[in-house]
Protein backbone atom coordinates (compact mmCIF):
# COMPACT_ATOMS: atom_id res chain seq x y z
CA UNK A 1 0.00 0.00 0.00
CA UNK A 2 1.40 3.41 -0.97
CA UNK A 3 2.30 5.80 1.81
CA UNK A 4 0.03 8.80 2.13
CA UNK A 5 1.02 12.38 2.85
CA UNK A 6 -1.92 14.49 3.97
CA UNK A 7 -0.59 17.83 2.75
CA UNK A 8 -0.57 17.01 -1.01
CA UNK A 9 -4.05 15.50 -0.68
CA UNK A 10 -5.30 18.63 1.10
CA UNK A 11 -3.73 20.95 -1.49
CA UNK A 12 -5.26 19.10 -4.44
CA UNK A 13 -8.65 18.79 -2.70
CA UNK A 14 -8.61 22.49 -1.81
CA UNK A 15 -7.88 23.48 -5.39
CA UNK A 16 -10.69 21.29 -6.75
CA UNK A 17 -13.13 22.70 -4.19
CA UNK A 18 -12.13 26.33 -4.81
CA UNK A 19 -12.47 25.86 -8.56
CA UNK A 20 -16.08 24.70 -8.09
CA UNK A 21 -16.84 27.62 -5.76
CA UNK A 22 -15.17 30.12 -8.10
CA UNK A 23 -17.20 29.05 -11.12
CA UNK A 24 -20.38 29.16 -8.99
CA UNK A 25 -21.00 25.43 -9.41
CA UNK A 26 -21.75 24.99 -5.69
CA UNK A 27 -24.14 27.94 -5.69
CA UNK A 28 -26.05 26.83 -8.77
CA UNK A 29 -26.49 23.23 -7.58
CA UNK A 30 -27.46 24.36 -4.07
CA UNK A 31 -30.12 26.69 -5.45
CA UNK A 32 -31.35 23.92 -7.73
CA UNK A 33 -31.81 21.55 -4.78
CA UNK A 34 -33.52 24.25 -2.74
CA UNK A 35 -35.97 25.13 -5.51
CA UNK A 36 -36.94 21.53 -6.24
CA UNK A 37 -37.26 20.66 -2.56
CA UNK A 38 -39.51 23.65 -1.86
CA UNK A 39 -41.75 22.87 -4.83
CA UNK A 40 -42.08 19.24 -3.75
CA UNK A 41 -42.66 20.12 -0.08
CA UNK A 42 -45.50 22.52 -0.84
CA UNK A 43 -46.97 21.25 -4.11
CA UNK A 44 -46.12 17.55 -4.06
CA UNK A 45 -49.71 16.63 -3.22
CA UNK A 46 -51.31 18.95 -5.79
CA UNK A 47 -52.55 15.96 -7.82
CA UNK A 48 -54.69 15.01 -4.79
CA UNK A 49 -56.20 18.49 -4.82
CA UNK A 50 -54.26 19.91 -1.86
CA UNK A 51 -51.23 22.14 -1.51
CA UNK A 52 -48.95 22.94 1.40
CA UNK A 53 -46.65 20.95 3.66
CA UNK A 54 -48.28 17.60 4.49
CA UNK A 55 -45.70 15.96 6.72
CA UNK A 56 -42.10 14.86 6.60
CA UNK A 57 -42.92 11.29 5.47
CA UNK A 58 -44.63 12.39 2.26
CA UNK A 59 -41.99 15.06 1.65
CA UNK A 60 -39.07 12.65 2.02
CA UNK A 61 -40.81 10.04 -0.15
CA UNK A 62 -41.24 12.61 -2.92
CA UNK A 63 -37.73 14.03 -2.52
CA UNK A 64 -36.26 10.53 -2.65
CA UNK A 65 -37.57 10.07 -6.18
CA UNK A 66 -36.07 13.42 -7.17
CA UNK A 67 -32.67 12.71 -5.61
CA UNK A 68 -32.37 9.30 -7.28
CA UNK A 69 -32.60 10.95 -10.69
CA UNK A 70 -30.78 14.22 -10.06
CA UNK A 71 -27.90 13.61 -7.63
CA UNK A 72 -26.28 10.66 -9.51
CA UNK A 73 -26.39 12.64 -12.76
CA UNK A 74 -24.78 15.70 -11.15
CA UNK A 75 -22.11 13.57 -9.48
CA UNK A 76 -21.24 11.75 -12.72
CA UNK A 77 -21.02 15.02 -14.65
CA UNK A 78 -18.88 16.52 -11.92
CA UNK A 79 -16.27 13.76 -11.85
CA UNK A 80 -16.11 12.08 -15.26
CA UNK A 81 -13.17 14.20 -16.50
CA UNK A 82 -11.24 14.46 -13.22
CA UNK A 83 -8.32 12.38 -14.53
CA UNK A 84 -8.89 11.97 -18.25
CA UNK A 85 -9.38 15.73 -18.56
CA UNK A 86 -5.96 16.34 -17.00
CA UNK A 87 -4.48 13.76 -19.36
CA UNK A 88 -5.98 15.40 -22.46
CA UNK A 89 -4.83 18.86 -21.38
CA UNK A 90 -1.32 17.52 -20.86
CA UNK A 91 -1.27 18.56 -17.20
CA UNK A 92 -1.36 15.06 -15.70
CA UNK A 93 2.35 14.41 -16.29
CA UNK A 94 3.12 17.82 -14.83
CA UNK A 95 1.11 17.04 -11.69
CA UNK A 96 2.83 13.69 -11.27
CA UNK A 97 6.22 15.36 -11.62
CA UNK A 98 5.61 17.07 -8.28
CA UNK A 99 6.20 15.21 -4.99
CA UNK A 100 2.74 13.64 -5.09
CA UNK A 101 1.83 9.98 -5.58
CA UNK A 102 -0.92 8.72 -7.84
CA UNK A 103 -2.97 7.68 -4.82
CA UNK A 104 -2.66 11.13 -3.27
CA UNK A 105 -3.69 12.74 -6.55
CA UNK A 106 -6.68 10.43 -6.85
CA UNK A 107 -7.82 11.00 -3.26
CA UNK A 108 -7.28 14.74 -3.52
CA UNK A 109 -9.40 14.94 -6.65
CA UNK A 110 -12.16 12.85 -5.08
CA UNK A 111 -12.22 14.68 -1.74
CA UNK A 112 -12.27 18.11 -3.35
CA UNK A 113 -15.14 17.22 -5.68
CA UNK A 114 -16.95 15.34 -2.90
CA UNK A 115 -16.65 18.39 -0.67
CA UNK A 116 -18.20 20.62 -3.33
CA UNK A 117 -21.02 18.13 -3.90
CA UNK A 118 -21.63 17.70 -0.16
CA UNK A 119 -21.72 21.46 0.51
CA UNK A 120 -24.18 22.10 -2.31
CA UNK A 121 -26.39 19.20 -1.19
CA UNK A 122 -26.43 20.13 2.50
CA UNK A 123 -26.88 23.84 1.76
CA UNK A 124 -29.66 23.24 -0.77
CA UNK A 125 -31.73 20.83 1.30
CA UNK A 126 -30.74 22.49 4.58
CA UNK A 127 -32.22 25.80 3.44
CA UNK A 128 -35.58 24.05 3.03
CA UNK A 129 -35.31 22.62 6.54
CA UNK A 130 -34.80 26.13 7.91
CA UNK A 131 -37.86 27.39 6.03
CA UNK A 132 -39.94 24.51 7.38
CA UNK A 133 -38.46 24.59 10.88
CA UNK A 134 -41.68 25.70 12.59
CA UNK A 135 -43.59 22.80 11.07
CA UNK A 136 -41.05 20.10 11.97
CA UNK A 137 -40.85 18.18 15.22
CA UNK A 138 -37.53 16.92 16.55
CA UNK A 139 -38.35 13.48 15.15
CA UNK A 140 -39.13 15.02 11.76
CA UNK A 141 -35.86 16.95 11.83
CA UNK A 142 -33.98 13.74 12.66
CA UNK A 143 -35.53 11.91 9.69
CA UNK A 144 -34.81 14.84 7.38
CA UNK A 145 -31.18 15.02 8.55
CA UNK A 146 -30.83 11.31 7.78
CA UNK A 147 -32.27 11.94 4.32
CA UNK A 148 -29.76 14.72 3.64
CA UNK A 149 -26.85 12.59 4.88
CA UNK A 150 -27.91 9.64 2.71
CA UNK A 151 -28.21 12.02 -0.27
CA UNK A 152 -24.59 13.05 0.30
CA UNK A 153 -23.52 9.39 0.44
CA UNK A 154 -25.44 8.65 -2.77
CA UNK A 155 -23.69 11.52 -4.51
CA UNK A 156 -20.28 10.34 -3.30
CA UNK A 157 -20.92 6.78 -4.49
CA UNK A 158 -21.67 7.98 -8.02
CA UNK A 159 -18.80 10.44 -7.86
CA UNK A 160 -16.54 7.50 -7.02
CA UNK A 161 -17.90 5.67 -10.07
CA UNK A 162 -17.21 8.78 -12.15
CA UNK A 163 -13.60 8.90 -10.95
CA UNK A 164 -13.18 5.24 -11.91
CA UNK A 165 -14.60 5.97 -15.38
CA UNK A 166 -12.23 8.91 -15.71
CA UNK A 167 -9.25 6.70 -14.93
CA UNK A 168 -10.22 3.89 -17.30
CA UNK A 169 -11.32 6.08 -20.23
CA UNK A 170 -8.72 7.08 -22.81
CA UNK A 171 -10.62 10.13 -24.05
CA UNK A 172 -12.86 12.72 -22.45
CA UNK A 173 -15.71 12.10 -24.89
CA UNK A 174 -15.58 8.39 -24.15
CA UNK A 175 -15.61 9.11 -20.41
CA UNK A 176 -18.71 11.27 -20.76
CA UNK A 177 -20.47 8.54 -22.71
CA UNK A 178 -19.60 5.93 -20.10
CA UNK A 179 -20.80 8.23 -17.32
CA UNK A 180 -24.18 8.71 -18.99
CA UNK A 181 -24.39 4.96 -19.62
CA UNK A 182 -23.82 4.32 -15.90
CA UNK A 183 -26.60 6.77 -15.05
CA UNK A 184 -29.03 5.02 -17.40
CA UNK A 185 -28.07 1.59 -16.07
CA UNK A 186 -28.30 2.28 -12.33
CA UNK A 187 -31.19 4.77 -12.39
CA UNK A 188 -33.39 3.45 -15.19
CA UNK A 189 -32.38 0.00 -16.45
CA UNK A 190 -31.34 -1.89 -13.30
CA UNK A 191 -34.79 -1.93 -11.69
CA UNK A 192 -36.41 -2.89 -14.98
CA UNK A 193 -34.07 -5.88 -15.23
CA UNK A 194 -34.92 -6.92 -11.68
CA UNK A 195 -38.62 -6.52 -12.36
CA UNK A 196 -38.30 -8.63 -15.49
CA UNK A 197 -36.47 -11.34 -13.55
CA UNK A 198 -39.14 -11.19 -10.85
CA UNK A 199 -41.95 -11.63 -13.37
CA UNK A 200 -40.11 -14.33 -15.36
CA UNK A 201 -39.51 -16.35 -12.19
CA UNK A 202 -43.17 -16.15 -11.21
CA UNK A 203 -42.25 -14.33 -7.99
CA UNK A 204 -39.96 -17.07 -6.74
CA UNK A 205 -36.97 -14.77 -6.81
CA UNK A 206 -38.72 -12.19 -4.64
CA UNK A 207 -38.17 -13.68 -1.21
CA UNK A 208 -34.71 -15.16 -1.78
CA UNK A 209 -32.42 -13.23 -4.10
CA UNK A 210 -34.30 -10.02 -4.91
CA UNK A 211 -33.52 -8.10 -1.66
CA UNK A 212 -29.81 -8.80 -2.03
CA UNK A 213 -29.80 -7.78 -5.68
CA UNK A 214 -31.13 -4.38 -4.63
CA UNK A 215 -27.90 -3.87 -2.67
CA UNK A 216 -25.99 -4.02 -5.97
CA UNK A 217 -27.39 -0.61 -6.90
CA UNK A 218 -26.53 2.44 -4.75
CA UNK A 219 -29.71 4.16 -5.95
CA UNK A 220 -31.81 1.30 -4.61
CA UNK A 221 -29.87 1.27 -1.34
CA UNK A 222 -30.66 4.97 -0.99
CA UNK A 223 -34.35 4.35 -1.73
CA UNK A 224 -34.66 1.54 0.83
CA UNK A 225 -32.70 3.53 3.40
CA UNK A 226 -35.16 6.43 3.22
CA UNK A 227 -38.46 4.72 2.44
CA UNK A 228 -38.37 1.48 4.38
CA UNK A 229 -37.77 3.23 7.69
CA UNK A 230 -40.84 5.44 7.24
CA UNK A 231 -43.83 3.35 8.34
CA UNK A 232 -46.45 5.50 6.59
CA UNK A 233 -45.02 5.12 3.10
CA UNK A 234 -43.03 1.87 2.89
CA UNK A 235 -46.10 -0.26 2.14
CA UNK A 236 -47.17 2.26 -0.52
CA UNK A 237 -43.84 1.71 -2.27
CA UNK A 238 -44.23 -2.05 -2.10
CA UNK A 239 -40.92 -2.62 -0.35
CA UNK A 240 -42.34 -4.32 2.72
CA UNK A 241 -43.36 -7.36 0.68
CA UNK A 242 -39.99 -8.02 -0.98
CA UNK A 243 -37.39 -6.55 1.39
CA UNK A 244 -36.87 -8.27 4.76
CA UNK A 245 -36.69 -5.94 7.71
CA UNK A 246 -33.41 -7.47 8.90
CA UNK A 247 -31.71 -5.94 5.83
CA UNK A 248 -33.31 -2.55 6.36
CA UNK A 249 -31.07 -1.61 9.28
CA UNK A 250 -29.81 1.97 8.64
CA UNK A 251 -26.30 1.09 9.82
CA UNK A 252 -26.12 -1.89 7.48
CA UNK A 253 -27.39 0.10 4.52
CA UNK A 254 -25.04 2.96 5.40
CA UNK A 255 -22.18 0.46 5.36
CA UNK A 256 -23.28 -0.81 1.94
CA UNK A 257 -23.38 2.76 0.64
CA UNK A 258 -19.89 3.37 2.06
CA UNK A 259 -18.69 0.25 0.25
CA UNK A 260 -20.05 1.75 -2.97
CA UNK A 261 -17.84 4.77 -2.31
CA UNK A 262 -14.67 2.85 -1.47
CA UNK A 263 -14.82 0.01 -4.02
CA UNK A 264 -14.78 2.12 -7.24
CA UNK A 265 -11.97 4.24 -5.80
CA UNK A 266 -9.92 1.11 -5.10
CA UNK A 267 -10.57 -0.08 -8.65
CA UNK A 268 -9.60 3.33 -10.01
CA UNK A 269 -6.35 3.32 -8.02
CA UNK A 270 -5.51 -0.21 -9.22
CA UNK A 271 -5.87 0.96 -12.83
CA UNK A 272 -4.23 4.35 -12.27
CA UNK A 273 -1.01 2.95 -10.86
CA UNK A 274 -0.41 0.62 -13.82
């Protein structure tokens, strides 16, 4: 295992973070999250003929669907050119000529981008929590904080995948295509494949393999983490019938999400050091 020096990692991470702040990326994404969250919180039940805040359970259920589509896409766009972009610009060899290892460069890039993504996510959704503070109990605030934290973890898992794509891709255009393909697969195609397998097996796969297959998708882990723990909406989503409660432990799911962050980074480092 390569030795790590914290200072080079901090310098690279700081530069990546400052670049995102300087080009207003953090501000734009934070405002985007705030706007969507406010609209969903107050108008999410408009199709039932009512408007206004209707409780944290319904709000989180609606926001979960939004986050699953939006956060992975933003994370993949943010990180797909982290390494391959430096290579195409000819600056990668220059960076590696400094007293910095490939692992330190990789971790610095990831931590800087992850910091920008985390700040925009917390600021965007946190602003909504402040606006709704008078309507939230302590229990509601706790659930909402868990939702925000899991949103950050979801973003970091897809950012880690984006870094891996950036290391493996030989060209920036190819990296962008692979990033979009990952978004389609995990957000749109994966669940359709599972549903097809469930139907083709006549439901036999539902009680045995299906819950574990959900853990192979960070988007599904995020969904279960936020929906299954909310008693008022988990049955509505149909998760209670196919996902055993022993697998719905927040600590276990948080560990799975953390594994989705670490594993692609390890794969990226393995390829990057060759």
